[in-house]
Every structure is written in structure tokens, then in C-alpha cells.
């Protein structure tokens, strides 16, 4: 299995279109386009999971820089997601300074 990052997508791109583009290189397990949490609008990138590494590597080689919907795609192997920091907090007055 190979997880592929696809960036610089036109905001009009659909998951089915991306699936068709990558299926020429092998079996596509999953396609997910990323949307903004607050607005629901597309963010211009997504991920494609290919069943076989070899097909995924060929897809990266062939599709990186290719025109798709008037935009030049950025296609590479997805990096593992960095752990997100939790919490937050802070903000209130510091009582130890009074």
C-alpha cells in the first residue's frame, strides 16, 4: 500500500476524477480530498491510497507536474502525519505577579 499526496488541485476537482486519473497505474483503495473544517470549501489537496507500491511509484513519476484542470499537480509519497499538540490554554492574568 502506498499513500500519495496530491497538491495544487483545482478547487473544482472531484474524488471520482482523481480516482480515474490514478487507476491507470493500478488499483486505487481510497481517495480523499481535504476540505476546510469551518467553511467546507476545498483546500486544493488530497490523498490517494494505491493498493500496490509499484503502481503508486509509477503514478508519482508520471503525474508529478502534469496539467490537471489547468493546474500543475504536485504528486509525491505522503509523509506520516506529525503528532498534533494538545491543549492550548493560557491567556488569563498571571496571579503570581500581584
PDB file of N, CA and C in Angstrom:
ATOM      1  N   UNK A   1       0.858  -1.176   0.000  1.00  0.00           N
ATOM      2  CA  UNK A   1       0.000   0.000   0.000  1.00  0.00           C
ATOM      3  C   UNK A   1       0.901   1.235   0.000  1.00  0.00           C
ATOM      4  N   UNK A   2       0.498   2.245  -0.761  1.00  0.00           N
ATOM      5  CA  UNK A   2       1.250   3.495  -0.825  1.00  0.00           C
ATOM      6  C   UNK A   2       0.277   4.655  -0.746  1.00  0.00           C
ATOM      7  N   UNK A   3       0.524   5.559   0.192  1.00  0.00           N
ATOM      8  CA  UNK A   3      -0.299   6.752   0.366  1.00  0.00           C
ATOM      9  C   UNK A   3       0.387   7.904  -0.368  1.00  0.00           C
ATOM     10  N   UNK A   4      -0.345   8.558  -1.272  1.00  0.00           N
ATOM     11  CA  UNK A   4       0.213   9.588  -2.141  1.00  0.00           C
ATOM     12  C   UNK A   4      -0.455  10.927  -1.869  1.00  0.00           C
ATOM     13  N   UNK A   5       0.370  11.953  -1.709  1.00  0.00           N
ATOM     14  CA  UNK A   5      -0.108  13.325  -1.562  1.00  0.00           C
ATOM     15  C   UNK A   5      -0.284  13.909  -2.962  1.00  0.00           C
ATOM     16  N   UNK A   6      -1.418  14.573  -3.201  1.00  0.00           N
ATOM     17  CA  UNK A   6      -1.677  15.238  -4.473  1.00  0.00           C
ATOM     18  C   UNK A   6      -2.038  16.687  -4.158  1.00  0.00           C
ATOM     19  N   UNK A   7      -1.170  17.607  -4.576  1.00  0.00           N
ATOM     20  CA  UNK A   7      -1.380  19.011  -4.282  1.00  0.00           C
ATOM     21  C   UNK A   7      -1.565  19.849  -5.533  1.00  0.00           C
ATOM     22  N   UNK A   8      -1.953  21.086  -5.321  1.00  0.00           N
ATOM     23  CA  UNK A   8      -2.223  22.070  -6.365  1.00  0.00           C
ATOM     24  C   UNK A   8      -3.405  21.643  -7.238  1.00  0.00           C
ATOM     25  N   UNK A   9      -4.369  21.000  -6.603  1.00  0.00           N
ATOM     26  CA  UNK A   9      -5.585  20.587  -7.320  1.00  0.00           C
ATOM     27  C   UNK A   9      -6.492  21.787  -7.558  1.00  0.00           C
ATOM     28  N   UNK A  10      -7.196  21.789  -8.688  1.00  0.00           N
ATOM     29  CA  UNK A  10      -8.203  22.842  -8.866  1.00  0.00           C
ATOM     30  C   UNK A  10      -9.296  22.631  -7.816  1.00  0.00           C
ATOM     31  N   UNK A  11      -9.886  23.717  -7.344  1.00  0.00           N
ATOM     32  CA  UNK A  11     -10.909  23.596  -6.304  1.00  0.00           C
ATOM     33  C   UNK A  11     -12.149  22.869  -6.803  1.00  0.00           C
ATOM     34  N   UNK A  12     -12.291  22.736  -8.107  1.00  0.00           N
ATOM     35  CA  UNK A  12     -13.440  22.035  -8.690  1.00  0.00           C
ATOM     36  C   UNK A  12     -13.211  20.532  -8.809  1.00  0.00           C
ATOM     37  N   UNK A  13     -12.037  20.044  -8.448  1.00  0.00           N
ATOM     38  CA  UNK A  13     -11.712  18.623  -8.594  1.00  0.00           C
ATOM     39  C   UNK A  13     -12.654  17.755  -7.757  1.00  0.00           C
ATOM     40  N   UNK A  14     -13.008  16.610  -8.321  1.00  0.00           N
ATOM     41  CA  UNK A  14     -13.872  15.645  -7.626  1.00  0.00           C
ATOM     42  C   UNK A  14     -13.083  14.363  -7.362  1.00  0.00           C
ATOM     43  N   UNK A  15     -13.474  13.638  -6.323  1.00  0.00           N
ATOM     44  CA  UNK A  15     -12.795  12.392  -5.980  1.00  0.00           C
ATOM     45  C   UNK A  15     -12.829  11.397  -7.131  1.00  0.00           C
ATOM     46  N   UNK A  16     -13.949  11.322  -7.851  1.00  0.00           N
ATOM     47  CA  UNK A  16     -14.058  10.386  -8.983  1.00  0.00           C
ATOM     48  C   UNK A  16     -13.047  10.708 -10.074  1.00  0.00           C
ATOM     49  N   UNK A  17     -12.831  11.987 -10.343  1.00  0.00           N
ATOM     50  CA  UNK A  17     -11.851  12.391 -11.366  1.00  0.00           C
ATOM     51  C   UNK A  17     -10.445  11.966 -10.967  1.00  0.00           C
ATOM     52  N   UNK A  18     -10.113  12.167  -9.699  1.00  0.00           N
ATOM     53  CA  UNK A  18      -8.795  11.805  -9.202  1.00  0.00           C
ATOM     54  C   UNK A  18      -8.615  10.285  -9.239  1.00  0.00           C
ATOM     55  N   UNK A  19      -9.662   9.563  -8.872  1.00  0.00           N
ATOM     56  CA  UNK A  19      -9.617   8.099  -8.909  1.00  0.00           C
ATOM     57  C   UNK A  19      -9.325   7.628 -10.334  1.00  0.00           C
ATOM     58  N   UNK A  20     -10.033   8.174 -11.308  1.00  0.00           N
ATOM     59  CA  UNK A  20      -9.818   7.781 -12.706  1.00  0.00           C
ATOM     60  C   UNK A  20      -8.400   8.079 -13.162  1.00  0.00           C
ATOM     61  N   UNK A  21      -7.870   9.216 -12.744  1.00  0.00           N
ATOM     62  CA  UNK A  21      -6.516   9.595 -13.127  1.00  0.00           C
ATOM     63  C   UNK A  21      -5.499   8.584 -12.612  1.00  0.00           C
ATOM     64  N   UNK A  22      -5.666   8.133 -11.369  1.00  0.00           N
ATOM     65  CA  UNK A  22      -4.695   7.226 -10.758  1.00  0.00           C
ATOM     66  C   UNK A  22      -4.935   5.760 -11.109  1.00  0.00           C
ATOM     67  N   UNK A  23      -6.148   5.388 -11.484  1.00  0.00           N
ATOM     68  CA  UNK A  23      -6.440   3.987 -11.800  1.00  0.00           C
ATOM     69  C   UNK A  23      -5.670   3.469 -13.002  1.00  0.00           C
ATOM     70  N   UNK A  24      -5.167   4.353 -13.841  1.00  0.00           N
ATOM     71  CA  UNK A  24      -4.366   3.892 -14.969  1.00  0.00           C
ATOM     72  C   UNK A  24      -3.041   3.283 -14.515  1.00  0.00           C
ATOM     73  N   UNK A  25      -2.690   3.452 -13.232  1.00  0.00           N
ATOM     74  CA  UNK A  25      -1.434   2.928 -12.702  1.00  0.00           C
ATOM     75  C   UNK A  25      -1.641   1.757 -11.740  1.00  0.00           C
ATOM     76  N   UNK A  26      -2.888   1.417 -11.456  1.00  0.00           N
ATOM     77  CA  UNK A  26      -3.158   0.301 -10.561  1.00  0.00           C
ATOM     78  C   UNK A  26      -4.415   0.537  -9.747  1.00  0.00           C
ATOM     79  N   UNK A  27      -4.661  -0.386  -8.844  1.00  0.00           N
ATOM     80  CA  UNK A  27      -5.872  -0.339  -8.030  1.00  0.00           C
ATOM     81  C   UNK A  27      -5.789   0.784  -7.002  1.00  0.00           C
ATOM     82  N   UNK A  28      -6.824   1.614  -6.988  1.00  0.00           N
ATOM     83  CA  UNK A  28      -6.928   2.712  -6.026  1.00  0.00           C
ATOM     84  C   UNK A  28      -7.820   2.242  -4.883  1.00  0.00           C
ATOM     85  N   UNK A  29      -7.279   2.274  -3.674  1.00  0.00           N
ATOM     86  CA  UNK A  29      -8.035   1.847  -2.497  1.00  0.00           C
ATOM     87  C   UNK A  29      -8.949   2.956  -1.981  1.00  0.00           C
ATOM     88  N   UNK A  30      -8.402   4.188  -1.936  1.00  0.00           N
ATOM     89  CA  UNK A  30      -9.183   5.285  -1.371  1.00  0.00           C
ATOM     90  C   UNK A  30      -8.682   6.614  -1.918  1.00  0.00           C
ATOM     91  N   UNK A  31      -9.614   7.552  -2.088  1.00  0.00           N
ATOM     92  CA  UNK A  31      -9.295   8.923  -2.487  1.00  0.00           C
ATOM     93  C   UNK A  31      -9.966   9.833  -1.473  1.00  0.00           C
ATOM     94  N   UNK A  32      -9.227  10.802  -0.959  1.00  0.00           N
ATOM     95  CA  UNK A  32      -9.860  11.766  -0.060  1.00  0.00           C
ATOM     96  C   UNK A  32      -9.337  13.168  -0.370  1.00  0.00           C
ATOM     97  N   UNK A  33     -10.272  14.055  -0.671  1.00  0.00           N
ATOM     98  CA  UNK A  33      -9.957  15.457  -0.899  1.00  0.00           C
ATOM     99  C   UNK A  33     -10.182  16.185   0.420  1.00  0.00           C
ATOM    100  N   UNK A  34      -9.277  17.074   0.756  1.00  0.00           N
ATOM    101  CA  UNK A  34      -9.326  17.751   2.047  1.00  0.00           C
ATOM    102  C   UNK A  34     -10.098  19.065   1.921  1.00  0.00           C
ATOM    103  N   UNK A  35     -11.019  19.269   2.869  1.00  0.00           N
ATOM    104  CA  UNK A  35     -11.831  20.487   2.908  1.00  0.00           C
ATOM    105  C   UNK A  35     -11.544  21.242   4.196  1.00  0.00           C
ATOM    106  N   UNK A  36     -11.756  22.536   4.159  1.00  0.00           N
ATOM    107  CA  UNK A  36     -11.615  23.372   5.337  1.00  0.00           C
ATOM    108  C   UNK A  36     -12.694  22.994   6.351  1.00  0.00           C
ATOM    109  N   UNK A  37     -12.324  22.814   7.590  1.00  0.00           N
ATOM    110  CA  UNK A  37     -13.292  22.403   8.627  1.00  0.00           C
ATOM    111  C   UNK A  37     -14.393  23.419   8.842  1.00  0.00           C
ATOM    112  N   UNK A  38     -14.029  24.684   8.816  1.00  0.00           N
ATOM    113  CA  UNK A  38     -15.009  25.721   9.135  1.00  0.00           C
ATOM    114  C   UNK A  38     -15.917  26.064   7.966  1.00  0.00           C
ATOM    115  N   UNK A  39     -15.346  26.163   6.763  1.00  0.00           N
ATOM    116  CA  UNK A  39     -16.146  26.605   5.621  1.00  0.00           C
ATOM    117  C   UNK A  39     -16.631  25.460   4.748  1.00  0.00           C
ATOM    118  N   UNK A  40     -15.967  24.290   4.836  1.00  0.00           N
ATOM    119  CA  UNK A  40     -16.336  23.161   3.983  1.00  0.00           C
ATOM    120  C   UNK A  40     -15.810  23.294   2.558  1.00  0.00           C
ATOM    121  N   UNK A  41     -15.084  24.362   2.283  1.00  0.00           N
ATOM    122  CA  UNK A  41     -14.555  24.576   0.936  1.00  0.00           C
ATOM    123  C   UNK A  41     -13.290  23.746   0.727  1.00  0.00           C
ATOM    124  N   UNK A  42     -13.053  23.304  -0.522  1.00  0.00           N
ATOM    125  CA  UNK A  42     -11.851  22.507  -0.810  1.00  0.00           C
ATOM    126  C   UNK A  42     -10.581  23.294  -0.516  1.00  0.00           C
ATOM    127  N   UNK A  43      -9.541  22.573  -0.077  1.00  0.00           N
ATOM    128  CA  UNK A  43      -8.260  23.219   0.241  1.00  0.00           C
ATOM    129  C   UNK A  43      -7.239  23.045  -0.860  1.00  0.00           C
ATOM    130  N   UNK A  44      -7.572  22.304  -1.926  1.00  0.00           N
ATOM    131  CA  UNK A  44      -6.676  22.183  -3.071  1.00  0.00           C
ATOM    132  C   UNK A  44      -5.662  21.056  -2.977  1.00  0.00           C
ATOM    133  N   UNK A  45      -5.898  20.118  -2.047  1.00  0.00           N
ATOM    134  CA  UNK A  45      -5.029  18.949  -1.986  1.00  0.00           C
ATOM    135  C   UNK A  45      -5.804  17.752  -1.457  1.00  0.00           C
ATOM    136  N   UNK A  46      -5.198  16.579  -1.632  1.00  0.00           N
ATOM    137  CA  UNK A  46      -5.844  15.369  -1.169  1.00  0.00           C
ATOM    138  C   UNK A  46      -4.847  14.225  -1.118  1.00  0.00           C
ATOM    139  N   UNK A  47      -5.379  13.028  -0.886  1.00  0.00           N
ATOM    140  CA  UNK A  47      -4.544  11.839  -0.769  1.00  0.00           C
ATOM    141  C   UNK A  47      -5.181  10.701  -1.559  1.00  0.00           C
ATOM    142  N   UNK A  48      -4.320   9.898  -2.170  1.00  0.00           N
ATOM    143  CA  UNK A  48      -4.760   8.718  -2.912  1.00  0.00           C
ATOM    144  C   UNK A  48      -3.991   7.539  -2.350  1.00  0.00           C
ATOM    145  N   UNK A  49      -4.700   6.492  -1.944  1.00  0.00           N
ATOM    146  CA  UNK A  49      -4.055   5.273  -1.465  1.00  0.00           C
ATOM    147  C   UNK A  49      -4.102   4.252  -2.584  1.00  0.00           C
ATOM    148  N   UNK A  50      -2.919   3.811  -3.006  1.00  0.00           N
ATOM    149  CA  UNK A  50      -2.805   2.798  -4.051  1.00  0.00           C
ATOM    150  C   UNK A  50      -2.560   1.442  -3.390  1.00  0.00           C
ATOM    151  N   UNK A  51      -3.158   0.394  -3.958  1.00  0.00           N
ATOM    152  CA  UNK A  51      -3.052  -0.939  -3.378  1.00  0.00           C
ATOM    153  C   UNK A  51      -1.620  -1.466  -3.440  1.00  0.00           C
ATOM    154  N   UNK A  52      -0.912  -1.167  -4.527  1.00  0.00           N
ATOM    155  CA  UNK A  52       0.441  -1.690  -4.685  1.00  0.00           C
ATOM    156  C   UNK A  52       1.452  -0.556  -4.809  1.00  0.00           C
ATOM    157  N   UNK A  53       2.541  -0.716  -4.109  1.00  0.00           N
ATOM    158  CA  UNK A  53       3.589   0.299  -4.085  1.00  0.00           C
ATOM    159  C   UNK A  53       4.127   0.598  -5.481  1.00  0.00           C
ATOM    160  N   UNK A  54       4.355  -0.439  -6.261  1.00  0.00           N
ATOM    161  CA  UNK A  54       4.930  -0.255  -7.598  1.00  0.00           C
ATOM    162  C   UNK A  54       4.058   0.654  -8.472  1.00  0.00           C
ATOM    163  N   UNK A  55       2.752   0.414  -8.484  1.00  0.00           N
ATOM    164  CA  UNK A  55       1.834   1.253  -9.247  1.00  0.00           C
ATOM    165  C   UNK A  55       1.806   2.676  -8.722  1.00  0.00           C
ATOM    166  N   UNK A  56       1.880   2.820  -7.410  1.00  0.00           N
ATOM    167  CA  UNK A  56       1.897   4.141  -6.799  1.00  0.00           C
ATOM    168  C   UNK A  56       3.144   4.929  -7.168  1.00  0.00           C
ATOM    169  N   UNK A  57       4.281   4.254  -7.171  1.00  0.00           N
ATOM    170  CA  UNK A  57       5.526   4.916  -7.552  1.00  0.00           C
ATOM    171  C   UNK A  57       5.494   5.353  -9.011  1.00  0.00           C
ATOM    172  N   UNK A  58       4.915   4.521  -9.875  1.00  0.00           N
ATOM    173  CA  UNK A  58       4.764   4.894 -11.284  1.00  0.00           C
ATOM    174  C   UNK A  58       3.844   6.102 -11.429  1.00  0.00           C
ATOM    175  N   UNK A  59       2.763   6.122 -10.659  1.00  0.00           N
ATOM    176  CA  UNK A  59       1.826   7.243 -10.696  1.00  0.00           C
ATOM    177  C   UNK A  59       2.529   8.536 -10.287  1.00  0.00           C
ATOM    178  N   UNK A  60       3.328   8.478  -9.236  1.00  0.00           N
ATOM    179  CA  UNK A  60       4.063   9.660  -8.780  1.00  0.00           C
ATOM    180  C   UNK A  60       4.974  10.159  -9.900  1.00  0.00           C
ATOM    181  N   UNK A  61       5.717   9.239 -10.486  1.00  0.00           N
ATOM    182  CA  UNK A  61       6.662   9.589 -11.549  1.00  0.00           C
ATOM    183  C   UNK A  61       5.962  10.213 -12.757  1.00  0.00           C
ATOM    184  N   UNK A  62       4.826   9.650 -13.139  1.00  0.00           N
ATOM    185  CA  UNK A  62       4.121  10.100 -14.348  1.00  0.00           C
ATOM    186  C   UNK A  62       3.273  11.363 -14.122  1.00  0.00           C
ATOM    187  N   UNK A  63       2.706  11.507 -12.926  1.00  0.00           N
ATOM    188  CA  UNK A  63       1.735  12.582 -12.709  1.00  0.00           C
ATOM    189  C   UNK A  63       2.297  13.847 -12.067  1.00  0.00           C
ATOM    190  N   UNK A  64       3.456  13.762 -11.425  1.00  0.00           N
ATOM    191  CA  UNK A  64       4.028  14.955 -10.816  1.00  0.00           C
ATOM    192  C   UNK A  64       4.356  15.970 -11.916  1.00  0.00           C
ATOM    193  N   UNK A  65       3.778  17.153 -11.792  1.00  0.00           N
ATOM    194  CA  UNK A  65       3.994  18.209 -12.777  1.00  0.00           C
ATOM    195  C   UNK A  65       3.016  18.190 -13.940  1.00  0.00           C
ATOM    196  N   UNK A  66       2.162  17.165 -13.994  1.00  0.00           N
ATOM    197  CA  UNK A  66       1.200  17.055 -15.089  1.00  0.00           C
ATOM    198  C   UNK A  66       0.061  18.070 -14.907  1.00  0.00           C
ATOM    199  N   UNK A  67      -0.454  18.569 -16.036  1.00  0.00           N
ATOM    200  CA  UNK A  67      -1.581  19.504 -16.006  1.00  0.00           C
ATOM    201  C   UNK A  67      -2.864  18.735 -15.675  1.00  0.00           C
ATOM    202  N   UNK A  68      -3.614  19.260 -14.726  1.00  0.00           N
ATOM    203  CA  UNK A  68      -4.903  18.680 -14.343  1.00  0.00           C
ATOM    204  C   UNK A  68      -5.847  19.838 -14.059  1.00  0.00           C
ATOM    205  N   UNK A  69      -6.825  20.031 -14.914  1.00  0.00           N
ATOM    206  CA  UNK A  69      -7.777  21.121 -14.723  1.00  0.00           C
ATOM    207  C   UNK A  69      -7.132  22.489 -14.776  1.00  0.00           C
ATOM    208  N   UNK A  70      -6.075  22.625 -15.582  1.00  0.00           N
ATOM    209  CA  UNK A  70      -5.404  23.914 -15.712  1.00  0.00           C
ATOM    210  C   UNK A  70      -4.368  24.205 -14.638  1.00  0.00           C
ATOM    211  N   UNK A  71      -4.079  23.232 -13.790  1.00  0.00           N
ATOM    212  CA  UNK A  71      -3.076  23.422 -12.726  1.00  0.00           C
ATOM    213  C   UNK A  71      -2.039  22.313 -12.817  1.00  0.00           C
ATOM    214  N   UNK A  72      -0.813  22.640 -12.452  1.00  0.00           N
ATOM    215  CA  UNK A  72       0.285  21.682 -12.477  1.00  0.00           C
ATOM    216  C   UNK A  72       0.316  20.931 -11.143  1.00  0.00           C
ATOM    217  N   UNK A  73       0.053  19.621 -11.193  1.00  0.00           N
ATOM    218  CA  UNK A  73      -0.036  18.824  -9.968  1.00  0.00           C
ATOM    219  C   UNK A  73       1.306  18.667  -9.269  1.00  0.00           C
ATOM    220  N   UNK A  74       1.236  18.593  -7.950  1.00  0.00           N
ATOM    221  CA  UNK A  74       2.364  18.193  -7.112  1.00  0.00           C
ATOM    222  C   UNK A  74       1.985  16.823  -6.573  1.00  0.00           C
ATOM    223  N   UNK A  75       2.758  15.801  -6.936  1.00  0.00           N
ATOM    224  CA  UNK A  75       2.432  14.430  -6.540  1.00  0.00           C
ATOM    225  C   UNK A  75       3.678  13.796  -5.926  1.00  0.00           C
ATOM    226  N   UNK A  76       3.557  13.340  -4.684  1.00  0.00           N
ATOM    227  CA  UNK A  76       4.675  12.644  -4.045  1.00  0.00           C
ATOM    228  C   UNK A  76       4.158  11.730  -2.943  1.00  0.00           C
ATOM    229  N   UNK A  77       5.060  10.901  -2.426  1.00  0.00           N
ATOM    230  CA  UNK A  77       4.660   9.993  -1.351  1.00  0.00           C
ATOM    231  C   UNK A  77       4.315  10.817  -0.124  1.00  0.00           C
ATOM    232  N   UNK A  78       3.171  10.519   0.457  1.00  0.00           N
ATOM    233  CA  UNK A  78       2.721  11.256   1.643  1.00  0.00           C
ATOM    234  C   UNK A  78       3.616  10.919   2.828  1.00  0.00           C
ATOM    235  N   UNK A  79       3.950  11.938   3.587  1.00  0.00           N
ATOM    236  CA  UNK A  79       4.723  11.734   4.814  1.00  0.00           C
ATOM    237  C   UNK A  79       3.746  11.409   5.937  1.00  0.00           C
ATOM    238  N   UNK A  80       4.202  10.646   6.921  1.00  0.00           N
ATOM    239  CA  UNK A  80       3.319  10.366   8.062  1.00  0.00           C
ATOM    240  C   UNK A  80       2.911  11.675   8.728  1.00  0.00           C
ATOM    241  N   UNK A  81       1.703  11.706   9.204  1.00  0.00           N
ATOM    242  CA  UNK A  81       1.184  12.901   9.859  1.00  0.00           C
ATOM    243  C   UNK A  81       1.919  13.165  11.156  1.00  0.00           C
ATOM    244  N   UNK A  82       2.329  14.404  11.355  1.00  0.00           N
ATOM    245  CA  UNK A  82       3.029  14.778  12.590  1.00  0.00           C
ATOM    246  C   UNK A  82       2.041  14.768  13.743  1.00  0.00           C
ATOM    247  N   UNK A  83       2.485  14.332  14.911  1.00  0.00           N
ATOM    248  CA  UNK A  83       1.577  14.351  16.065  1.00  0.00           C
ATOM    249  C   UNK A  83       1.157  15.785  16.370  1.00  0.00           C
ATOM    250  N   UNK A  84      -0.107  15.932  16.649  1.00  0.00           N
ATOM    251  CA  UNK A  84      -0.626  17.269  16.941  1.00  0.00           C
ATOM    252  C   UNK A  84      -0.527  17.511  18.432  1.00  0.00           C
ATOM    253  N   UNK A  85      -0.119  18.712  18.779  1.00  0.00           N
ATOM    254  CA  UNK A  85      -0.048  19.079  20.191  1.00  0.00           C
ATOM    255  C   UNK A  85      -1.449  19.276  20.738  1.00  0.00           C
ATOM    256  N   UNK A  86      -1.641  18.897  21.941  1.00  0.00           N
ATOM    257  CA  UNK A  86      -2.961  19.076  22.538  1.00  0.00           C
ATOM    258  C   UNK A  86      -2.993  20.350  23.351  1.00  0.00           C
ATOM    259  N   UNK A  87      -4.090  20.529  23.963  1.00  0.00           N
ATOM    260  CA  UNK A  87      -4.174  21.602  24.925  1.00  0.00           C
ATOM    261  C   UNK A  87      -4.411  22.969  24.340  1.00  0.00           C
ATOM    262  N   UNK A  88      -3.574  23.843  24.680  1.00  0.00           N
ATOM    263  CA  UNK A  88      -3.803  25.248  24.406  1.00  0.00           C
ATOM    264  C   UNK A  88      -3.687  25.923  25.752  1.00  0.00           C
ATOM    265  N   UNK A  89      -4.747  26.541  26.163  1.00  0.00           N
ATOM    266  CA  UNK A  89      -4.760  27.150  27.485  1.00  0.00           C
ATOM    267  C   UNK A  89      -4.096  28.506  27.484  1.00  0.00           C
ATOM    268  N   UNK A  90      -3.658  28.925  28.630  1.00  0.00           N
ATOM    269  CA  UNK A  90      -3.023  30.231  28.752  1.00  0.00           C
ATOM    270  C   UNK A  90      -4.038  31.340  28.592  1.00  0.00           C
ATOM    271  N   UNK A  91      -3.556  32.543  28.496  1.00  0.00           N
ATOM    272  CA  UNK A  91      -4.432  33.653  28.194  1.00  0.00           C
ATOM    273  C   UNK A  91      -4.848  34.501  29.366  1.00  0.00           C
ATOM    274  N   UNK A  92      -5.114  33.923  30.496  1.00  0.00           N
ATOM    275  CA  UNK A  92      -5.616  34.700  31.628  1.00  0.00           C
ATOM    276  C   UNK A  92      -4.510  35.471  32.340  1.00  0.00           C
ATOM    277  N   UNK A  93      -4.895  36.355  33.277  1.00  0.00           N
ATOM    278  CA  UNK A  93      -3.871  37.115  34.008  1.00  0.00           C
ATOM    279  C   UNK A  93      -3.054  36.196  34.904  1.00  0.00           C
ATOM    280  N   UNK A  94      -1.786  36.537  35.066  1.00  0.00           N
ATOM    281  CA  UNK A  94      -0.916  35.752  35.951  1.00  0.00           C
ATOM    282  C   UNK A  94      -1.062  36.269  37.366  1.00  0.00           C
ATOM    283  N   UNK A  95      -1.580  35.467  38.211  1.00  0.00           N
ATOM    284  CA  UNK A  95      -1.848  35.887  39.588  1.00  0.00           C
ATOM    285  C   UNK A  95      -0.576  35.942  40.434  1.00  0.00           C
ATOM    286  N   UNK A  96       0.486  35.300  39.968  1.00  0.00           N
ATOM    287  CA  UNK A  96       1.715  35.292  40.766  1.00  0.00           C
ATOM    288  C   UNK A  96       2.469  36.620  40.684  1.00  0.00           C
ATOM    289  N   UNK A  97       1.997  37.559  39.880  1.00  0.00           N
ATOM    290  CA  UNK A  97       2.684  38.851  39.729  1.00  0.00           C
ATOM    291  C   UNK A  97       1.992  39.949  40.538  1.00  0.00           C
ATOM    292  N   UNK A  98       1.008  39.629  41.307  1.00  0.00           N
ATOM    293  CA  UNK A  98       0.294  40.675  42.058  1.00  0.00           C
ATOM    294  C   UNK A  98       0.892  40.869  43.387  1.00  0.00           C
TER     295      UNK A  98
END
